[in-house]
């Protein structure tokens, strides 16, 4: 077997193992633990913009922090591998930067 073919086979095997481990992890950890997320948010020009720490591809914006939490829950519907229950996801908010004129962050 050539080294290129061997590397390709090993890579494929590693991907399969990773997927299996992720599946096992989700089952063992349980829905409650997997339904907690942390978001880093910043206020700018009248908008709150946030990004999930667990998946940097989940970015949302809203006019208030509470709306931002709802937007995150809505976005999580597009990522079933992150949670099976996006509607009840707990979103912990960490504010970065200045919040002058932002109103409440709770």
N, C-alpha and C. Protein backbone atom coordinates (compact mmCIF):
# COMPACT_ATOMS: atom_id res chain seq x y z
N UNK A 1 0.86 -1.18 0.00
CA UNK A 1 0.00 0.00 0.00
C UNK A 1 0.90 1.23 0.00
N UNK A 2 0.60 2.21 -0.87
CA UNK A 2 1.42 3.42 -0.95
C UNK A 2 1.17 4.29 0.28
N UNK A 3 2.14 5.16 0.58
CA UNK A 3 1.99 6.01 1.77
C UNK A 3 0.82 6.97 1.63
N UNK A 4 0.53 7.46 0.41
CA UNK A 4 -0.61 8.35 0.20
C UNK A 4 -1.93 7.65 0.48
N UNK A 5 -2.04 6.42 -0.01
CA UNK A 5 -3.25 5.64 0.21
C UNK A 5 -3.40 5.29 1.69
N UNK A 6 -2.29 4.97 2.33
CA UNK A 6 -2.32 4.66 3.76
C UNK A 6 -2.77 5.87 4.57
N UNK A 7 -2.21 7.05 4.27
CA UNK A 7 -2.61 8.26 4.97
C UNK A 7 -4.08 8.57 4.75
N UNK A 8 -4.54 8.38 3.52
CA UNK A 8 -5.95 8.64 3.21
C UNK A 8 -6.85 7.69 4.01
N UNK A 9 -6.46 6.42 4.08
CA UNK A 9 -7.25 5.44 4.84
C UNK A 9 -7.25 5.77 6.33
N UNK A 10 -6.09 6.16 6.85
CA UNK A 10 -6.01 6.52 8.26
C UNK A 10 -6.85 7.75 8.57
N UNK A 11 -6.81 8.74 7.67
CA UNK A 11 -7.61 9.94 7.87
C UNK A 11 -9.10 9.59 7.91
N UNK A 12 -9.53 8.75 6.96
CA UNK A 12 -10.92 8.32 6.93
C UNK A 12 -11.33 7.61 8.21
N UNK A 13 -10.44 6.77 8.71
CA UNK A 13 -10.71 6.04 9.96
C UNK A 13 -10.80 7.01 11.13
N UNK A 14 -9.90 7.99 11.19
CA UNK A 14 -9.94 8.98 12.26
C UNK A 14 -11.23 9.78 12.24
N UNK A 15 -11.71 10.14 11.06
CA UNK A 15 -12.97 10.88 10.94
C UNK A 15 -14.12 10.03 11.47
N UNK A 16 -14.14 8.75 11.10
CA UNK A 16 -15.20 7.86 11.58
C UNK A 16 -15.14 7.70 13.11
N UNK A 17 -13.94 7.56 13.65
CA UNK A 17 -13.79 7.43 15.11
C UNK A 17 -14.26 8.70 15.80
N UNK A 18 -13.87 9.87 15.26
CA UNK A 18 -14.29 11.15 15.86
C UNK A 18 -15.81 11.27 15.88
N UNK A 19 -16.45 10.93 14.76
CA UNK A 19 -17.92 11.00 14.69
C UNK A 19 -18.55 10.06 15.71
N UNK A 20 -18.00 8.87 15.85
CA UNK A 20 -18.53 7.91 16.82
C UNK A 20 -18.36 8.42 18.24
N UNK A 21 -17.19 9.00 18.54
CA UNK A 21 -16.96 9.53 19.88
C UNK A 21 -17.86 10.71 20.19
N UNK A 22 -18.09 11.57 19.19
CA UNK A 22 -19.01 12.69 19.40
C UNK A 22 -20.40 12.16 19.72
N UNK A 23 -20.84 11.16 18.97
CA UNK A 23 -22.14 10.56 19.22
C UNK A 23 -22.23 9.97 20.61
N UNK A 24 -21.20 9.25 21.03
CA UNK A 24 -21.18 8.68 22.38
C UNK A 24 -21.17 9.77 23.43
N UNK A 25 -20.38 10.81 23.19
CA UNK A 25 -20.30 11.91 24.15
C UNK A 25 -21.63 12.58 24.35
N UNK A 26 -22.35 12.81 23.27
CA UNK A 26 -23.66 13.45 23.38
C UNK A 26 -24.62 12.60 24.19
N UNK A 27 -24.59 11.29 23.97
CA UNK A 27 -25.48 10.40 24.71
C UNK A 27 -25.10 10.33 26.19
N UNK A 28 -23.81 10.28 26.47
CA UNK A 28 -23.37 10.12 27.85
C UNK A 28 -23.50 11.41 28.65
N UNK A 29 -23.22 12.53 28.03
CA UNK A 29 -23.28 13.79 28.76
C UNK A 29 -24.72 14.17 29.06
N UNK A 30 -25.61 13.89 28.14
CA UNK A 30 -27.02 14.17 28.34
C UNK A 30 -27.43 15.52 27.80
N UNK A 31 -28.71 15.66 27.57
CA UNK A 31 -29.25 16.88 26.96
C UNK A 31 -29.06 18.11 27.83
N UNK A 32 -29.20 17.97 29.14
CA UNK A 32 -29.10 19.15 30.02
C UNK A 32 -27.73 19.79 29.95
N UNK A 33 -26.69 19.01 30.03
CA UNK A 33 -25.34 19.55 29.99
C UNK A 33 -25.02 20.11 28.61
N UNK A 34 -25.55 19.51 27.57
CA UNK A 34 -25.26 19.95 26.21
C UNK A 34 -26.12 21.14 25.81
N UNK A 35 -26.99 21.58 26.67
CA UNK A 35 -27.90 22.66 26.34
C UNK A 35 -27.49 23.98 26.99
N UNK A 36 -26.22 24.08 27.38
CA UNK A 36 -25.69 25.30 27.99
C UNK A 36 -24.60 25.86 27.07
N UNK A 37 -24.70 27.15 26.80
CA UNK A 37 -23.78 27.80 25.88
C UNK A 37 -23.29 29.12 26.46
N UNK A 38 -22.13 29.54 26.03
CA UNK A 38 -21.57 30.82 26.43
C UNK A 38 -21.39 31.66 25.18
N UNK A 39 -21.88 32.90 25.25
CA UNK A 39 -21.76 33.81 24.12
C UNK A 39 -20.97 35.03 24.53
N UNK A 40 -20.07 35.44 23.67
CA UNK A 40 -19.36 36.70 23.84
C UNK A 40 -20.11 37.73 23.01
N UNK A 41 -20.53 38.83 23.66
CA UNK A 41 -21.34 39.83 22.96
C UNK A 41 -20.72 41.21 23.09
N UNK A 42 -21.02 42.04 22.12
CA UNK A 42 -20.51 43.40 22.10
C UNK A 42 -21.61 44.32 21.59
N UNK A 43 -21.66 45.53 22.13
CA UNK A 43 -22.66 46.52 21.73
C UNK A 43 -22.00 47.55 20.82
N UNK A 44 -22.64 47.80 19.66
CA UNK A 44 -22.09 48.78 18.73
C UNK A 44 -23.19 49.35 17.85
N UNK A 45 -23.26 50.65 17.79
CA UNK A 45 -24.19 51.35 16.89
C UNK A 45 -25.64 50.89 17.04
N UNK A 46 -26.05 50.70 18.30
CA UNK A 46 -27.44 50.33 18.55
C UNK A 46 -27.76 48.85 18.44
N UNK A 47 -26.75 48.03 18.20
CA UNK A 47 -26.97 46.59 18.05
C UNK A 47 -26.07 45.81 18.99
N UNK A 48 -26.62 44.72 19.53
CA UNK A 48 -25.83 43.72 20.24
C UNK A 48 -25.46 42.67 19.22
N UNK A 49 -24.18 42.33 19.16
CA UNK A 49 -23.70 41.29 18.25
C UNK A 49 -23.01 40.24 19.10
N UNK A 50 -23.35 38.98 18.88
CA UNK A 50 -22.77 37.93 19.70
C UNK A 50 -22.33 36.72 18.91
N UNK A 51 -21.42 35.98 19.52
CA UNK A 51 -20.86 34.77 18.91
C UNK A 51 -20.75 33.70 19.99
N UNK A 52 -21.18 32.48 19.67
CA UNK A 52 -21.08 31.39 20.62
C UNK A 52 -19.63 30.93 20.74
N UNK A 53 -19.19 30.71 21.96
CA UNK A 53 -17.83 30.20 22.17
C UNK A 53 -17.73 28.74 21.74
N UNK A 54 -18.82 28.00 21.84
CA UNK A 54 -18.81 26.58 21.49
C UNK A 54 -18.72 26.34 19.99
N UNK A 55 -19.17 27.31 19.19
CA UNK A 55 -19.08 27.20 17.74
C UNK A 55 -19.02 28.61 17.18
N UNK A 56 -17.84 29.00 16.73
CA UNK A 56 -17.63 30.37 16.26
C UNK A 56 -18.46 30.73 15.03
N UNK A 57 -19.07 29.75 14.40
CA UNK A 57 -19.91 30.00 13.24
C UNK A 57 -21.30 30.48 13.59
N UNK A 58 -21.66 30.44 14.87
CA UNK A 58 -22.98 30.90 15.31
C UNK A 58 -22.85 32.35 15.77
N UNK A 59 -23.25 33.27 14.89
CA UNK A 59 -23.16 34.71 15.15
C UNK A 59 -24.54 35.31 14.91
N UNK A 60 -25.00 36.13 15.86
CA UNK A 60 -26.32 36.76 15.73
C UNK A 60 -26.24 38.22 16.16
N UNK A 61 -27.28 38.96 15.83
CA UNK A 61 -27.38 40.35 16.29
C UNK A 61 -28.82 40.66 16.66
N UNK A 62 -28.99 41.62 17.59
CA UNK A 62 -30.33 42.02 18.03
C UNK A 62 -30.22 43.37 18.72
N UNK A 63 -31.38 43.97 18.99
CA UNK A 63 -31.41 45.28 19.65
C UNK A 63 -31.28 45.19 21.16
N UNK A 64 -31.60 44.02 21.75
CA UNK A 64 -31.48 43.86 23.21
C UNK A 64 -30.83 42.52 23.50
N UNK A 65 -30.33 42.39 24.73
CA UNK A 65 -29.68 41.14 25.12
C UNK A 65 -30.69 40.00 25.15
N UNK A 66 -31.90 40.26 25.63
CA UNK A 66 -32.91 39.20 25.65
C UNK A 66 -33.26 38.75 24.24
N UNK A 67 -33.37 39.69 23.32
CA UNK A 67 -33.60 39.33 21.91
C UNK A 67 -32.42 38.52 21.38
N UNK A 68 -31.22 38.88 21.83
CA UNK A 68 -30.01 38.18 21.40
C UNK A 68 -30.07 36.72 21.83
N UNK A 69 -30.49 36.49 23.07
CA UNK A 69 -30.63 35.10 23.55
C UNK A 69 -31.61 34.33 22.67
N UNK A 70 -32.72 34.96 22.33
CA UNK A 70 -33.71 34.31 21.47
C UNK A 70 -33.15 34.04 20.08
N UNK A 71 -32.36 34.97 19.57
CA UNK A 71 -31.73 34.78 18.25
C UNK A 71 -30.76 33.61 18.29
N UNK A 72 -30.01 33.49 19.39
CA UNK A 72 -29.11 32.34 19.53
C UNK A 72 -29.90 31.04 19.52
N UNK A 73 -31.00 31.00 20.27
CA UNK A 73 -31.82 29.78 20.30
C UNK A 73 -32.35 29.45 18.90
N UNK A 74 -32.76 30.48 18.18
CA UNK A 74 -33.25 30.28 16.81
C UNK A 74 -32.13 29.76 15.91
N UNK A 75 -30.93 30.34 16.05
CA UNK A 75 -29.79 29.91 15.23
C UNK A 75 -29.39 28.47 15.56
N UNK A 76 -29.53 28.08 16.83
CA UNK A 76 -29.16 26.72 17.22
C UNK A 76 -30.02 25.66 16.54
N UNK A 77 -31.19 26.04 16.05
CA UNK A 77 -32.02 25.10 15.28
C UNK A 77 -31.29 24.62 14.03
N UNK A 78 -30.38 25.46 13.53
CA UNK A 78 -29.63 25.12 12.33
C UNK A 78 -28.42 24.23 12.62
N UNK A 79 -28.15 24.00 13.92
CA UNK A 79 -26.99 23.22 14.33
C UNK A 79 -27.42 22.10 15.27
N UNK A 80 -28.12 21.08 14.76
CA UNK A 80 -28.62 20.01 15.63
C UNK A 80 -27.50 19.23 16.30
N UNK A 81 -26.27 19.31 15.78
CA UNK A 81 -25.18 18.60 16.44
C UNK A 81 -24.77 19.29 17.74
N UNK A 82 -25.19 20.54 17.95
CA UNK A 82 -24.87 21.26 19.18
C UNK A 82 -25.88 21.02 20.28
N UNK A 83 -27.15 20.89 19.92
CA UNK A 83 -28.19 20.64 20.92
C UNK A 83 -29.44 20.07 20.26
N UNK A 84 -30.08 19.18 20.98
CA UNK A 84 -31.34 18.61 20.49
C UNK A 84 -32.53 19.47 20.91
N UNK A 85 -32.29 20.44 21.82
CA UNK A 85 -33.37 21.26 22.37
C UNK A 85 -33.02 22.74 22.33
N UNK A 86 -32.94 23.33 21.15
CA UNK A 86 -32.53 24.74 21.05
C UNK A 86 -33.49 25.71 21.73
N UNK A 87 -34.76 25.39 21.77
CA UNK A 87 -35.75 26.32 22.36
C UNK A 87 -35.52 26.54 23.85
N UNK A 88 -34.91 25.56 24.52
CA UNK A 88 -34.70 25.68 25.96
C UNK A 88 -33.22 25.86 26.32
N UNK A 89 -32.40 26.18 25.34
CA UNK A 89 -30.96 26.35 25.58
C UNK A 89 -30.72 27.51 26.53
N UNK A 90 -29.79 27.31 27.47
CA UNK A 90 -29.37 28.37 28.38
C UNK A 90 -28.17 29.06 27.75
N UNK A 91 -28.28 30.37 27.54
CA UNK A 91 -27.21 31.15 26.92
C UNK A 91 -26.61 32.07 27.97
N UNK A 92 -25.39 31.80 28.39
CA UNK A 92 -24.65 32.66 29.32
C UNK A 92 -23.99 33.76 28.50
N UNK A 93 -24.22 35.01 28.89
CA UNK A 93 -23.72 36.17 28.14
C UNK A 93 -22.49 36.75 28.81
N UNK A 94 -21.42 36.94 28.04
CA UNK A 94 -20.22 37.63 28.49
C UNK A 94 -20.05 38.86 27.61
N UNK A 95 -20.15 40.06 28.23
CA UNK A 95 -20.05 41.31 27.49
C UNK A 95 -18.59 41.73 27.38
N UNK A 96 -18.18 42.09 26.17
CA UNK A 96 -16.83 42.61 25.95
C UNK A 96 -16.94 44.02 25.38
N UNK A 97 -15.94 44.85 25.62
CA UNK A 97 -15.94 46.19 25.08
C UNK A 97 -16.83 47.14 25.86
N UNK A 98 -17.02 48.33 25.30
CA UNK A 98 -17.84 49.37 25.92
C UNK A 98 -19.32 49.10 25.68
N UNK A 99 -20.15 49.52 26.66
CA UNK A 99 -21.60 49.35 26.52
C UNK A 99 -22.31 50.68 26.70
N UNK A 100 -21.64 51.79 26.47
CA UNK A 100 -22.26 53.10 26.63
C UNK A 100 -23.54 53.21 25.81
N UNK A 101 -24.64 53.55 26.50
CA UNK A 101 -25.92 53.71 25.83
C UNK A 101 -26.61 52.42 25.47
N UNK A 102 -26.10 51.30 25.98
CA UNK A 102 -26.66 50.00 25.59
C UNK A 102 -27.90 49.63 26.36
N UNK A 103 -28.12 50.25 27.49
CA UNK A 103 -29.26 49.84 28.31
C UNK A 103 -28.90 48.61 29.12
N UNK A 104 -29.88 47.81 29.46
CA UNK A 104 -29.68 46.65 30.32
C UNK A 104 -28.97 45.52 29.58
N UNK A 105 -28.07 44.85 30.30
CA UNK A 105 -27.39 43.68 29.74
C UNK A 105 -27.88 42.40 30.34
N UNK A 106 -28.94 42.44 31.14
CA UNK A 106 -29.42 41.22 31.78
C UNK A 106 -30.38 40.46 30.90
